[in-house]
Amino acid sequence: MNISKLFSRSLAQKHDGHLYMGTTLNCILEGSLQRKINLLVWCHSKKLYAVAVHPDDMAFVTAGHDRVVAKWRKQKVLWKLSIQTEAVCASYHPSSATVAIGTIDGHAIILNAESGAHIW
């Protein structure tokens, strides 16, 4: 796959300068401004809208219009769950204990970042 044909839909940056990009073709790209950007994983069946990176770990959470939220470490899925409506944004809490998912209908879903368990 020629990654120059992909367009970024969401962008998340870690403190160390690492970038994670969700693309219009539902891929996650990983890299930095100092080194090459590579295809990390092809992850969702419909539009990918959200990428949130763990503050201290090499893990990230993705969410999208396929109503799936997944936590990844590199190319490995750590957990995956279905939600009731399409997701449009995601963010880790600074303590990295929880992940907030915003849905297209204006609701927030709070998940345990380690297990994916629904908190609120």
PDB file of N, CA and C in Angstrom:
ATOM      1  N   MET A   1       0.840  -1.172   0.000  1.00  0.00           N
ATOM      2  CA  MET A   1       0.000   0.000   0.000  1.00  0.00           C
ATOM      3  C   MET A   1       0.890   1.242   0.000  1.00  0.00           C
ATOM      4  N   ASN A   2       0.546   2.171  -0.840  1.00  0.00           N
ATOM      5  CA  ASN A   2       1.276   3.421  -0.925  1.00  0.00           C
ATOM      6  C   ASN A   2       0.682   4.405   0.081  1.00  0.00           C
ATOM      7  N   ILE A   3       1.396   4.656   1.181  1.00  0.00           N
ATOM      8  CA  ILE A   3       0.831   5.503   2.233  1.00  0.00           C
ATOM      9  C   ILE A   3       0.753   6.969   1.838  1.00  0.00           C
ATOM     10  N   SER A   4       1.376   7.344   0.745  1.00  0.00           N
ATOM     11  CA  SER A   4       1.258   8.734   0.302  1.00  0.00           C
ATOM     12  C   SER A   4      -0.153   9.040  -0.204  1.00  0.00           C
ATOM     13  N   LYS A   5      -0.950   8.029  -0.508  1.00  0.00           N
ATOM     14  CA  LYS A   5      -2.325   8.215  -0.979  1.00  0.00           C
ATOM     15  C   LYS A   5      -3.327   8.294   0.175  1.00  0.00           C
ATOM     16  N   LEU A   6      -2.874   8.104   1.411  1.00  0.00           N
ATOM     17  CA  LEU A   6      -3.760   8.125   2.566  1.00  0.00           C
ATOM     18  C   LEU A   6      -3.875   9.540   3.123  1.00  0.00           C
ATOM     19  N   PHE A   7      -5.049   9.884   3.599  1.00  0.00           N
ATOM     20  CA  PHE A   7      -5.269  11.189   4.201  1.00  0.00           C
ATOM     21  C   PHE A   7      -5.562  11.004   5.682  1.00  0.00           C
ATOM     22  N   SER A   8      -4.981  11.847   6.490  1.00  0.00           N
ATOM     23  CA  SER A   8      -5.170  11.757   7.935  1.00  0.00           C
ATOM     24  C   SER A   8      -6.558  12.242   8.315  1.00  0.00           C
ATOM     25  N   ARG A   9      -7.211  11.477   9.184  1.00  0.00           N
ATOM     26  CA  ARG A   9      -8.524  11.850   9.707  1.00  0.00           C
ATOM     27  C   ARG A   9      -8.408  12.238  11.173  1.00  0.00           C
ATOM     28  N   SER A  10      -7.515  11.574  11.900  1.00  0.00           N
ATOM     29  CA  SER A  10      -7.280  11.915  13.299  1.00  0.00           C
ATOM     30  C   SER A  10      -5.796  11.797  13.583  1.00  0.00           C
ATOM     31  N   LEU A  11      -5.334  12.580  14.521  1.00  0.00           N
ATOM     32  CA  LEU A  11      -3.914  12.645  14.834  1.00  0.00           C
ATOM     33  C   LEU A  11      -3.740  12.701  16.339  1.00  0.00           C
ATOM     34  N   ALA A  12      -2.828  11.887  16.852  1.00  0.00           N
ATOM     35  CA  ALA A  12      -2.521  11.896  18.282  1.00  0.00           C
ATOM     36  C   ALA A  12      -1.006  11.872  18.436  1.00  0.00           C
ATOM     37  N   GLN A  13      -0.503  12.655  19.373  1.00  0.00           N
ATOM     38  CA  GLN A  13       0.939  12.732  19.595  1.00  0.00           C
ATOM     39  C   GLN A  13       1.267  12.379  21.032  1.00  0.00           C
ATOM     40  N   LYS A  14       2.311  11.568  21.198  1.00  0.00           N
ATOM     41  CA  LYS A  14       2.816  11.262  22.536  1.00  0.00           C
ATOM     42  C   LYS A  14       3.821  12.335  22.942  1.00  0.00           C
ATOM     43  N   HIS A  15       4.163  12.354  24.220  1.00  0.00           N
ATOM     44  CA  HIS A  15       5.120  13.340  24.740  1.00  0.00           C
ATOM     45  C   HIS A  15       6.498  13.203  24.099  1.00  0.00           C
ATOM     46  N   ASP A  16       6.854  11.984  23.660  1.00  0.00           N
ATOM     47  CA  ASP A  16       8.181  11.754  23.081  1.00  0.00           C
ATOM     48  C   ASP A  16       8.255  12.120  21.593  1.00  0.00           C
ATOM     49  N   GLY A  17       7.179  12.679  21.030  1.00  0.00           N
ATOM     50  CA  GLY A  17       7.177  13.081  19.638  1.00  0.00           C
ATOM     51  C   GLY A  17       6.610  12.054  18.682  1.00  0.00           C
ATOM     52  N   HIS A  18       6.293  10.859  19.167  1.00  0.00           N
ATOM     53  CA  HIS A  18       5.675   9.838  18.326  1.00  0.00           C
ATOM     54  C   HIS A  18       4.295  10.306  17.872  1.00  0.00           C
ATOM     55  N   LEU A  19       3.975  10.083  16.607  1.00  0.00           N
ATOM     56  CA  LEU A  19       2.670  10.431  16.058  1.00  0.00           C
ATOM     57  C   LEU A  19       1.907   9.164  15.693  1.00  0.00           C
ATOM     58  N   TYR A  20       0.624   9.161  15.971  1.00  0.00           N
ATOM     59  CA  TYR A  20      -0.277   8.102  15.530  1.00  0.00           C
ATOM     60  C   TYR A  20      -1.357   8.774  14.712  1.00  0.00           C
ATOM     61  N   MET A  21      -1.542   8.318  13.468  1.00  0.00           N
ATOM     62  CA  MET A  21      -2.508   8.931  12.571  1.00  0.00           C
ATOM     63  C   MET A  21      -3.546   7.917  12.136  1.00  0.00           C
ATOM     64  N   GLY A  22      -4.813   8.261  12.313  1.00  0.00           N
ATOM     65  CA  GLY A  22      -5.904   7.477  11.749  1.00  0.00           C
ATOM     66  C   GLY A  22      -6.199   8.042  10.373  1.00  0.00           C
ATOM     67  N   THR A  23      -6.356   7.177   9.380  1.00  0.00           N
ATOM     68  CA  THR A  23      -6.505   7.641   8.000  1.00  0.00           C
ATOM     69  C   THR A  23      -7.911   7.421   7.463  1.00  0.00           C
ATOM     70  N   THR A  24      -8.160   7.983   6.297  1.00  0.00           N
ATOM     71  CA  THR A  24      -9.446   7.837   5.632  1.00  0.00           C
ATOM     72  C   THR A  24      -9.701   6.406   5.172  1.00  0.00           C
ATOM     73  N   LEU A  25      -8.681   5.575   5.102  1.00  0.00           N
ATOM     74  CA  LEU A  25      -8.846   4.169   4.712  1.00  0.00           C
ATOM     75  C   LEU A  25      -8.735   3.239   5.914  1.00  0.00           C
ATOM     76  N   ASN A  26      -9.008   3.767   7.120  1.00  0.00           N
ATOM     77  CA  ASN A  26      -9.103   2.981   8.352  1.00  0.00           C
ATOM     78  C   ASN A  26      -7.800   2.311   8.774  1.00  0.00           C
ATOM     79  N   CYS A  27      -6.699   2.944   8.474  1.00  0.00           N
ATOM     80  CA  CYS A  27      -5.383   2.453   8.889  1.00  0.00           C
ATOM     81  C   CYS A  27      -4.851   3.348  10.003  1.00  0.00           C
ATOM     82  N   ILE A  28      -3.943   2.784  10.785  1.00  0.00           N
ATOM     83  CA  ILE A  28      -3.200   3.577  11.754  1.00  0.00           C
ATOM     84  C   ILE A  28      -1.757   3.628  11.274  1.00  0.00           C
ATOM     85  N   LEU A  29      -1.242   4.840  11.131  1.00  0.00           N
ATOM     86  CA  LEU A  29       0.150   5.053  10.775  1.00  0.00           C
ATOM     87  C   LEU A  29       0.888   5.511  12.015  1.00  0.00           C
ATOM     88  N   GLU A  30       2.161   5.122  12.117  1.00  0.00           N
ATOM     89  CA  GLU A  30       2.962   5.470  13.292  1.00  0.00           C
ATOM     90  C   GLU A  30       4.313   5.972  12.817  1.00  0.00           C
ATOM     91  N   GLY A  31       4.829   6.997  13.490  1.00  0.00           N
ATOM     92  CA  GLY A  31       6.135   7.524  13.143  1.00  0.00           C
ATOM     93  C   GLY A  31       6.405   8.814  13.888  1.00  0.00           C
ATOM     94  N   SER A  32       7.288   9.616  13.351  1.00  0.00           N
ATOM     95  CA  SER A  32       7.599  10.916  13.939  1.00  0.00           C
ATOM     96  C   SER A  32       8.115  11.832  12.832  1.00  0.00           C
ATOM     97  N   LEU A  33       8.339  13.080  13.180  1.00  0.00           N
ATOM     98  CA  LEU A  33       8.871  14.018  12.194  1.00  0.00           C
ATOM     99  C   LEU A  33      10.330  13.719  11.872  1.00  0.00           C
ATOM    100  N   GLN A  34      11.026  13.013  12.756  1.00  0.00           N
ATOM    101  CA  GLN A  34      12.435  12.704  12.556  1.00  0.00           C
ATOM    102  C   GLN A  34      12.664  11.388  11.816  1.00  0.00           C
ATOM    103  N   ARG A  35      11.637  10.536  11.730  1.00  0.00           N
ATOM    104  CA  ARG A  35      11.832   9.254  11.062  1.00  0.00           C
ATOM    105  C   ARG A  35      10.627   8.927  10.189  1.00  0.00           C
ATOM    106  N   LYS A  36      10.754   7.860   9.445  1.00  0.00           N
ATOM    107  CA  LYS A  36       9.735   7.444   8.484  1.00  0.00           C
ATOM    108  C   LYS A  36       8.411   7.108   9.168  1.00  0.00           C
ATOM    109  N   ILE A  37       7.322   7.374   8.475  1.00  0.00           N
ATOM    110  CA  ILE A  37       5.993   7.013   8.957  1.00  0.00           C
ATOM    111  C   ILE A  37       5.594   5.707   8.293  1.00  0.00           C
ATOM    112  N   ASN A  38       5.180   4.726   9.108  1.00  0.00           N
ATOM    113  CA  ASN A  38       4.876   3.386   8.618  1.00  0.00           C
ATOM    114  C   ASN A  38       3.451   2.991   8.937  1.00  0.00           C
ATOM    115  N   LEU A  39       2.920   2.094   8.124  1.00  0.00           N
ATOM    116  CA  LEU A  39       1.621   1.499   8.391  1.00  0.00           C
ATOM    117  C   LEU A  39       1.757   0.592   9.608  1.00  0.00           C
ATOM    118  N   LEU A  40       0.955   0.839  10.630  1.00  0.00           N
ATOM    119  CA  LEU A  40       1.012   0.034  11.842  1.00  0.00           C
ATOM    120  C   LEU A  40      -0.048  -1.051  11.821  1.00  0.00           C
ATOM    121  N   VAL A  41      -1.289  -0.678  11.534  1.00  0.00           N
ATOM    122  CA  VAL A  41      -2.372  -1.660  11.545  1.00  0.00           C
ATOM    123  C   VAL A  41      -3.544  -1.155  10.719  1.00  0.00           C
ATOM    124  N   TRP A  42      -4.259  -2.081  10.111  1.00  0.00           N
ATOM    125  CA  TRP A  42      -5.508  -1.793   9.421  1.00  0.00           C
ATOM    126  C   TRP A  42      -6.592  -2.237  10.363  1.00  0.00           C
ATOM    127  N   CYS A  43      -7.446  -1.347  10.852  1.00  0.00           N
ATOM    128  CA  CYS A  43      -8.154  -1.690  12.076  1.00  0.00           C
ATOM    129  C   CYS A  43      -9.666  -1.668  12.089  1.00  0.00           C
ATOM    130  N   HIS A  44     -10.358  -0.899  11.305  1.00  0.00           N
ATOM    131  CA  HIS A  44     -11.816  -0.810  11.419  1.00  0.00           C
ATOM    132  C   HIS A  44     -12.480  -1.128  10.087  1.00  0.00           C
ATOM    133  N   SER A  45     -13.737  -1.571  10.166  1.00  0.00           N
ATOM    134  CA  SER A  45     -14.464  -1.935   8.952  1.00  0.00           C
ATOM    135  C   SER A  45     -15.196  -0.751   8.325  1.00  0.00           C
ATOM    136  N   LYS A  46     -15.452   0.290   9.100  1.00  0.00           N
ATOM    137  CA  LYS A  46     -16.058   1.518   8.590  1.00  0.00           C
ATOM    138  C   LYS A  46     -15.165   2.684   8.976  1.00  0.00           C
ATOM    139  N   LYS A  47     -15.639   3.883   8.807  1.00  0.00           N
ATOM    140  CA  LYS A  47     -14.821   5.073   9.037  1.00  0.00           C
ATOM    141  C   LYS A  47     -14.198   5.094  10.433  1.00  0.00           C
ATOM    142  N   LEU A  48     -12.900   5.276  10.467  1.00  0.00           N
ATOM    143  CA  LEU A  48     -12.155   5.438  11.716  1.00  0.00           C
ATOM    144  C   LEU A  48     -12.121   6.925  12.033  1.00  0.00           C
ATOM    145  N   TYR A  49     -12.596   7.311  13.219  1.00  0.00           N
ATOM    146  CA  TYR A  49     -12.635   8.724  13.569  1.00  0.00           C
ATOM    147  C   TYR A  49     -11.756   9.106  14.743  1.00  0.00           C
ATOM    148  N   ALA A  50     -11.350   8.167  15.566  1.00  0.00           N
ATOM    149  CA  ALA A  50     -10.650   8.563  16.783  1.00  0.00           C
ATOM    150  C   ALA A  50      -9.435   7.688  17.058  1.00  0.00           C
ATOM    151  N   VAL A  51      -8.357   8.339  17.446  1.00  0.00           N
ATOM    152  CA  VAL A  51      -7.154   7.675  17.938  1.00  0.00           C
ATOM    153  C   VAL A  51      -6.732   8.411  19.197  1.00  0.00           C
ATOM    154  N   ALA A  52      -6.540   7.669  20.280  1.00  0.00           N
ATOM    155  CA  ALA A  52      -6.047   8.250  21.534  1.00  0.00           C
ATOM    156  C   ALA A  52      -4.847   7.428  21.981  1.00  0.00           C
ATOM    157  N   VAL A  53      -3.740   8.100  22.272  1.00  0.00           N
ATOM    158  CA  VAL A  53      -2.533   7.377  22.683  1.00  0.00           C
ATOM    159  C   VAL A  53      -2.394   7.388  24.198  1.00  0.00           C
ATOM    160  N   HIS A  54      -1.905   6.269  24.725  1.00  0.00           N
ATOM    161  CA  HIS A  54      -1.635   6.134  26.150  1.00  0.00           C
ATOM    162  C   HIS A  54      -0.508   7.099  26.505  1.00  0.00           C
ATOM    163  N   PRO A  55      -0.614   7.816  27.614  1.00  0.00           N
ATOM    164  CA  PRO A  55       0.417   8.808  27.961  1.00  0.00           C
ATOM    165  C   PRO A  55       1.813   8.228  28.183  1.00  0.00           C
ATOM    166  N   ASP A  56       1.896   6.990  28.682  1.00  0.00           N
ATOM    167  CA  ASP A  56       3.201   6.447  29.057  1.00  0.00           C
ATOM    168  C   ASP A  56       3.570   5.137  28.379  1.00  0.00           C
ATOM    169  N   ASP A  57       2.654   4.524  27.672  1.00  0.00           N
ATOM    170  CA  ASP A  57       2.855   3.192  27.112  1.00  0.00           C
ATOM    171  C   ASP A  57       2.797   3.287  25.589  1.00  0.00           C
ATOM    172  N   MET A  58       3.185   2.245  24.890  1.00  0.00           N
ATOM    173  CA  MET A  58       3.092   2.187  23.439  1.00  0.00           C
ATOM    174  C   MET A  58       1.720   1.679  23.000  1.00  0.00           C
ATOM    175  N   ALA A  59       0.690   1.946  23.767  1.00  0.00           N
ATOM    176  CA  ALA A  59      -0.666   1.498  23.466  1.00  0.00           C
ATOM    177  C   ALA A  59      -1.501   2.673  22.971  1.00  0.00           C
ATOM    178  N   PHE A  60      -2.568   2.356  22.241  1.00  0.00           N
ATOM    179  CA  PHE A  60      -3.492   3.383  21.771  1.00  0.00           C
ATOM    180  C   PHE A  60      -4.884   2.784  21.629  1.00  0.00           C
ATOM    181  N   VAL A  61      -5.875   3.653  21.635  1.00  0.00           N
ATOM    182  CA  VAL A  61      -7.276   3.256  21.502  1.00  0.00           C
ATOM    183  C   VAL A  61      -7.802   3.845  20.204  1.00  0.00           C
ATOM    184  N   THR A  62      -8.582   3.044  19.466  1.00  0.00           N
ATOM    185  CA  THR A  62      -9.231   3.519  18.252  1.00  0.00           C
ATOM    186  C   THR A  62     -10.739   3.355  18.387  1.00  0.00           C
ATOM    187  N   ALA A  63     -11.486   4.204  17.682  1.00  0.00           N
ATOM    188  CA  ALA A  63     -12.950   4.126  17.684  1.00  0.00           C
ATOM    189  C   ALA A  63     -13.460   4.709  16.373  1.00  0.00           C
ATOM    190  N   GLY A  64     -14.644   4.239  15.958  1.00  0.00           N
ATOM    191  CA  GLY A  64     -15.156   4.744  14.699  1.00  0.00           C
ATOM    192  C   GLY A  64     -16.611   4.453  14.445  1.00  0.00           C
ATOM    193  N   HIS A  65     -16.985   4.583  13.181  1.00  0.00           N
ATOM    194  CA  HIS A  65     -18.378   4.417  12.777  1.00  0.00           C
ATOM    195  C   HIS A  65     -18.825   2.969  12.732  1.00  0.00           C
ATOM    196  N   ASP A  66     -17.933   2.016  12.899  1.00  0.00           N
ATOM    197  CA  ASP A  66     -18.345   0.614  12.960  1.00  0.00           C
ATOM    198  C   ASP A  66     -18.812   0.213  14.364  1.00  0.00           C
ATOM    199  N   ARG A  67     -18.875   1.203  15.274  1.00  0.00           N
ATOM    200  CA  ARG A  67     -19.332   1.010  16.655  1.00  0.00           C
ATOM    201  C   ARG A  67     -18.421   0.083  17.455  1.00  0.00           C
ATOM    202  N   VAL A  68     -17.146   0.098  17.110  1.00  0.00           N
ATOM    203  CA  VAL A  68     -16.148  -0.700  17.807  1.00  0.00           C
ATOM    204  C   VAL A  68     -15.118   0.226  18.436  1.00  0.00           C
ATOM    205  N   VAL A  69     -14.763  -0.075  19.679  1.00  0.00           N
ATOM    206  CA  VAL A  69     -13.665   0.594  20.383  1.00  0.00           C
ATOM    207  C   VAL A  69     -12.640  -0.498  20.670  1.00  0.00           C
ATOM    208  N   ALA A  70     -11.383  -0.239  20.348  1.00  0.00           N
ATOM    209  CA  ALA A  70     -10.342  -1.253  20.554  1.00  0.00           C
ATOM    210  C   ALA A  70      -9.092  -0.617  21.134  1.00  0.00           C
ATOM    211  N   LYS A  71      -8.423  -1.354  22.010  1.00  0.00           N
ATOM    212  CA  LYS A  71      -7.121  -0.935  22.530  1.00  0.00           C
ATOM    213  C   LYS A  71      -6.064  -1.823  21.893  1.00  0.00           C
ATOM    214  N   TRP A  72      -5.006  -1.199  21.417  1.00  0.00           N
ATOM    215  CA  TRP A  72      -3.938  -1.873  20.688  1.00  0.00           C
ATOM    216  C   TRP A  72      -2.595  -1.634  21.370  1.00  0.00           C
ATOM    217  N   ARG A  73      -1.697  -2.567  21.207  1.00  0.00           N
ATOM    218  CA  ARG A  73      -0.278  -2.376  21.496  1.00  0.00           C
ATOM    219  C   ARG A  73       0.442  -2.870  20.259  1.00  0.00           C
ATOM    220  N   LYS A  74       0.983  -1.918  19.517  1.00  0.00           N
ATOM    221  CA  LYS A  74       1.519  -2.176  18.175  1.00  0.00           C
ATOM    222  C   LYS A  74       0.406  -2.786  17.325  1.00  0.00           C
ATOM    223  N   GLN A  75       0.577  -4.004  16.771  1.00  0.00           N
ATOM    224  CA  GLN A  75      -0.448  -4.618  15.927  1.00  0.00           C
ATOM    225  C   GLN A  75      -1.362  -5.577  16.676  1.00  0.00           C
ATOM    226  N   LYS A  76      -1.225  -5.683  17.972  1.00  0.00           N
ATOM    227  CA  LYS A  76      -1.998  -6.655  18.753  1.00  0.00           C
ATOM    228  C   LYS A  76      -3.178  -5.965  19.458  1.00  0.00           C
ATOM    229  N   VAL A  77      -4.357  -6.563  19.313  1.00  0.00           N
ATOM    230  CA  VAL A  77      -5.544  -6.053  20.003  1.00  0.00           C
ATOM    231  C   VAL A  77      -5.496  -6.539  21.452  1.00  0.00           C
ATOM    232  N   LEU A  78      -5.556  -5.601  22.419  1.00  0.00           N
ATOM    233  CA  LEU A  78      -5.570  -5.961  23.832  1.00  0.00           C
ATOM    234  C   LEU A  78      -6.995  -6.196  24.319  1.00  0.00           C
ATOM    235  N   TRP A  79      -7.926  -5.377  23.857  1.00  0.00           N
ATOM    236  CA  TRP A  79      -9.347  -5.606  24.084  1.00  0.00           C
ATOM    237  C   TRP A  79     -10.140  -4.881  23.017  1.00  0.00           C
ATOM    238  N   LYS A  80     -11.362  -5.353  22.818  1.00  0.00           N
ATOM    239  CA  LYS A  80     -12.245  -4.765  21.818  1.00  0.00           C
ATOM    240  C   LYS A  80     -13.674  -4.903  22.304  1.00  0.00           C
ATOM    241  N   LEU A  81     -14.488  -3.864  22.105  1.00  0.00           N
ATOM    242  CA  LEU A  81     -15.882  -3.949  22.498  1.00  0.00           C
ATOM    243  C   LEU A  81     -16.749  -3.170  21.540  1.00  0.00           C
ATOM    244  N   SER A  82     -18.023  -3.552  21.511  1.00  0.00           N
ATOM    245  CA  SER A  82     -19.013  -2.861  20.686  1.00  0.00           C
ATOM    246  C   SER A  82     -19.760  -1.860  21.548  1.00  0.00           C
ATOM    247  N   ILE A  83     -20.087  -0.730  20.946  1.00  0.00           N
ATOM    248  CA  ILE A  83     -20.874   0.289  21.640  1.00  0.00           C
ATOM    249  C   ILE A  83     -22.179   0.500  20.856  1.00  0.00           C
ATOM    250  N   GLN A  84     -23.128   1.220  21.448  1.00  0.00           N
ATOM    251  CA  GLN A  84     -24.467   1.370  20.871  1.00  0.00           C
ATOM    252  C   GLN A  84     -24.533   2.281  19.653  1.00  0.00           C
ATOM    253  N   THR A  85     -23.625   3.240  19.555  1.00  0.00           N
ATOM    254  CA  THR A  85     -23.684   4.221  18.467  1.00  0.00           C
ATOM    255  C   THR A  85     -22.275   4.522  17.961  1.00  0.00           C
ATOM    256  N   GLU A  86     -22.183   5.225  16.873  1.00  0.00           N
ATOM    257  CA  GLU A  86     -20.885   5.518  16.263  1.00  0.00           C
ATOM    258  C   GLU A  86     -20.053   6.449  17.149  1.00  0.00           C
ATOM    259  N   ALA A  87     -18.771   6.198  17.185  1.00  0.00           N
ATOM    260  CA  ALA A  87     -17.847   7.032  17.967  1.00  0.00           C
ATOM    261  C   ALA A  87     -17.188   8.065  17.053  1.00  0.00           C
ATOM    262  N   VAL A  88     -16.957   9.258  17.599  1.00  0.00           N
ATOM    263  CA  VAL A  88     -16.316  10.312  16.812  1.00  0.00           C
ATOM    264  C   VAL A  88     -15.045  10.867  17.459  1.00  0.00           C
ATOM    265  N   CYS A  89     -14.830  10.568  18.753  1.00  0.00           N
ATOM    266  CA  CYS A  89     -13.607  11.049  19.399  1.00  0.00           C
ATOM    267  C   CYS A  89     -13.256  10.149  20.582  1.00  0.00           C
ATOM    268  N   ALA A  90     -11.985  10.203  20.973  1.00  0.00           N
ATOM    269  CA  ALA A  90     -11.504   9.408  22.107  1.00  0.00           C
ATOM    270  C   ALA A  90     -10.346  10.142  22.763  1.00  0.00           C
ATOM    271  N   SER A  91     -10.226   9.958  24.081  1.00  0.00           N
ATOM    272  CA  SER A  91      -9.134  10.601  24.804  1.00  0.00           C
ATOM    273  C   SER A  91      -8.828   9.829  26.077  1.00  0.00           C
ATOM    274  N   TYR A  92      -7.543   9.688  26.384  1.00  0.00           N
ATOM    275  CA  TYR A  92      -7.108   9.117  27.658  1.00  0.00           C
ATOM    276  C   TYR A  92      -7.171  10.184  28.740  1.00  0.00           C
ATOM    277  N   HIS A  93      -7.528   9.786  29.935  1.00  0.00           N
ATOM    278  CA  HIS A  93      -7.389  10.661  31.102  1.00  0.00           C
ATOM    279  C   HIS A  93      -5.891  10.787  31.381  1.00  0.00           C
ATOM    280  N   PRO A  94      -5.404  11.909  31.891  1.00  0.00           N
ATOM    281  CA  PRO A  94      -3.966  12.060  32.165  1.00  0.00           C
ATOM    282  C   PRO A  94      -3.390  10.985  33.098  1.00  0.00           C
ATOM    283  N   SER A  95      -4.222  10.423  33.972  1.00  0.00           N
ATOM    284  CA  SER A  95      -3.729   9.352  34.842  1.00  0.00           C
ATOM    285  C   SER A  95      -3.606   8.035  34.099  1.00  0.00           C
ATOM    286  N   SER A  96      -4.131   7.954  32.889  1.00  0.00           N
ATOM    287  CA  SER A  96      -4.162   6.777  32.015  1.00  0.00           C
ATOM    288  C   SER A  96      -5.020   5.632  32.546  1.00  0.00           C
ATOM    289  N   ALA A  97      -5.853   5.883  33.546  1.00  0.00           N
ATOM    290  CA  ALA A  97      -6.707   4.841  34.106  1.00  0.00           C
ATOM    291  C   ALA A  97      -8.004   4.669  33.319  1.00  0.00           C
ATOM    292  N   THR A  98      -8.445   5.718  32.639  1.00  0.00           N
ATOM    293  CA  THR A  98      -9.699   5.659  31.903  1.00  0.00           C
ATOM    294  C   THR A  98      -9.545   6.246  30.501  1.00  0.00           C
ATOM    295  N   VAL A  99     -10.485   5.856  29.647  1.00  0.00           N
ATOM    296  CA  VAL A  99     -10.568   6.384  28.291  1.00  0.00           C
ATOM    297  C   VAL A  99     -11.986   6.898  28.091  1.00  0.00           C
ATOM    298  N   ALA A 100     -12.117   8.102  27.560  1.00  0.00           N
ATOM    299  CA  ALA A 100     -13.434   8.667  27.250  1.00  0.00           C
ATOM    300  C   ALA A 100     -13.670   8.552  25.750  1.00  0.00           C
ATOM    301  N   ILE A 101     -14.863   8.088  25.405  1.00  0.00           N
ATOM    302  CA  ILE A 101     -15.267   7.963  24.010  1.00  0.00           C
ATOM    303  C   ILE A 101     -16.463   8.881  23.801  1.00  0.00           C
ATOM    304  N   GLY A 102     -16.411   9.744  22.802  1.00  0.00           N
ATOM    305  CA  GLY A 102     -17.526  10.610  22.453  1.00  0.00           C
ATOM    306  C   GLY A 102     -18.282  10.016  21.283  1.00  0.00           C
ATOM    307  N   THR A 103     -19.610  10.028  21.360  1.00  0.00           N
ATOM    308  CA  THR A 103     -20.415   9.410  20.310  1.00  0.00           C
ATOM    309  C   THR A 103     -21.081  10.470  19.432  1.00  0.00           C
ATOM    310  N   ILE A 104     -21.553  10.039  18.299  1.00  0.00           N
ATOM    311  CA  ILE A 104     -22.160  10.941  17.326  1.00  0.00           C
ATOM    312  C   ILE A 104     -23.440  11.577  17.839  1.00  0.00           C
ATOM    313  N   ASP A 105     -24.109  10.926  18.810  1.00  0.00           N
ATOM    314  CA  ASP A 105     -25.344  11.482  19.366  1.00  0.00           C
ATOM    315  C   ASP A 105     -25.100  12.318  20.621  1.00  0.00           C
ATOM    316  N   GLY A 106     -23.842  12.651  20.907  1.00  0.00           N
ATOM    317  CA  GLY A 106     -23.529  13.573  21.993  1.00  0.00           C
ATOM    318  C   GLY A 106     -23.303  12.950  23.353  1.00  0.00           C
ATOM    319  N   HIS A 107     -23.216  11.643  23.451  1.00  0.00           N
ATOM    320  CA  HIS A 107     -22.973  10.985  24.727  1.00  0.00           C
ATOM    321  C   HIS A 107     -21.487  10.705  24.932  1.00  0.00           C
ATOM    322  N   ALA A 108     -21.110  10.545  26.178  1.00  0.00           N
ATOM    323  CA  ALA A 108     -19.739  10.156  26.531  1.00  0.00           C
ATOM    324  C   ALA A 108     -19.781   8.789  27.180  1.00  0.00           C
ATOM    325  N   ILE A 109     -18.837   7.948  26.815  1.00  0.00           N
ATOM    326  CA  ILE A 109     -18.695   6.620  27.407  1.00  0.00           C
ATOM    327  C   ILE A 109     -17.327   6.595  28.074  1.00  0.00           C
ATOM    328  N   ILE A 110     -17.299   6.247  29.346  1.00  0.00           N
ATOM    329  CA  ILE A 110     -16.042   6.179  30.089  1.00  0.00           C
ATOM    330  C   ILE A 110     -15.712   4.701  30.293  1.00  0.00           C
ATOM    331  N   LEU A 111     -14.504   4.315  29.883  1.00  0.00           N
ATOM    332  CA  LEU A 111     -14.067   2.923  29.951  1.00  0.00           C
ATOM    333  C   LEU A 111     -12.822   2.791  30.808  1.00  0.00           C
ATOM    334  N   ASN A 112     -12.696   1.659  31.484  1.00  0.00           N
ATOM    335  CA  ASN A 112     -11.465   1.308  32.173  1.00  0.00           C
ATOM    336  C   ASN A 112     -10.425   1.061  31.090  1.00  0.00           C
ATOM    337  N   ALA A 113      -9.309   1.757  31.133  1.00  0.00           N
ATOM    338  CA  ALA A 113      -8.303   1.667  30.064  1.00  0.00           C
ATOM    339  C   ALA A 113      -7.600   0.310  30.021  1.00  0.00           C
ATOM    340  N   GLU A 114      -7.527  -0.381  31.133  1.00  0.00           N
ATOM    341  CA  GLU A 114      -6.842  -1.675  31.147  1.00  0.00           C
ATOM    342  C   GLU A 114      -7.707  -2.818  30.634  1.00  0.00           C
ATOM    343  N   SER A 115      -8.989  -2.794  30.961  1.00  0.00           N
ATOM    344  CA  SER A 115      -9.857  -3.932  30.628  1.00  0.00           C
ATOM    345  C   SER A 115     -10.930  -3.612  29.600  1.00  0.00           C
ATOM    346  N   GLY A 116     -11.221  -2.338  29.387  1.00  0.00           N
ATOM    347  CA  GLY A 116     -12.301  -1.954  28.499  1.00  0.00           C
ATOM    348  C   GLY A 116     -13.672  -1.998  29.159  1.00  0.00           C
ATOM    349  N   ALA A 117     -13.704  -2.274  30.468  1.00  0.00           N
ATOM    350  CA  ALA A 117     -14.970  -2.346  31.198  1.00  0.00           C
ATOM    351  C   ALA A 117     -15.653  -0.982  31.228  1.00  0.00           C
ATOM    352  N   HIS A 118     -16.955  -0.991  31.064  1.00  0.00           N
ATOM    353  CA  HIS A 118     -17.757   0.240  31.075  1.00  0.00           C
ATOM    354  C   HIS A 118     -17.839   0.778  32.496  1.00  0.00           C
ATOM    355  N   ILE A 119     -17.414   2.036  32.701  1.00  0.00           N
ATOM    356  CA  ILE A 119     -17.456   2.667  34.027  1.00  0.00           C
ATOM    357  C   ILE A 119     -18.655   3.582  34.134  1.00  0.00           C
ATOM    358  N   TRP A 120     -18.881   4.385  33.090  1.00  0.00           N
ATOM    359  CA  TRP A 120     -19.983   5.339  33.122  1.00  0.00           C
ATOM    360  C   TRP A 120     -20.514   5.580  31.745  1.00  0.00           C
TER     361      TRP A 120
END
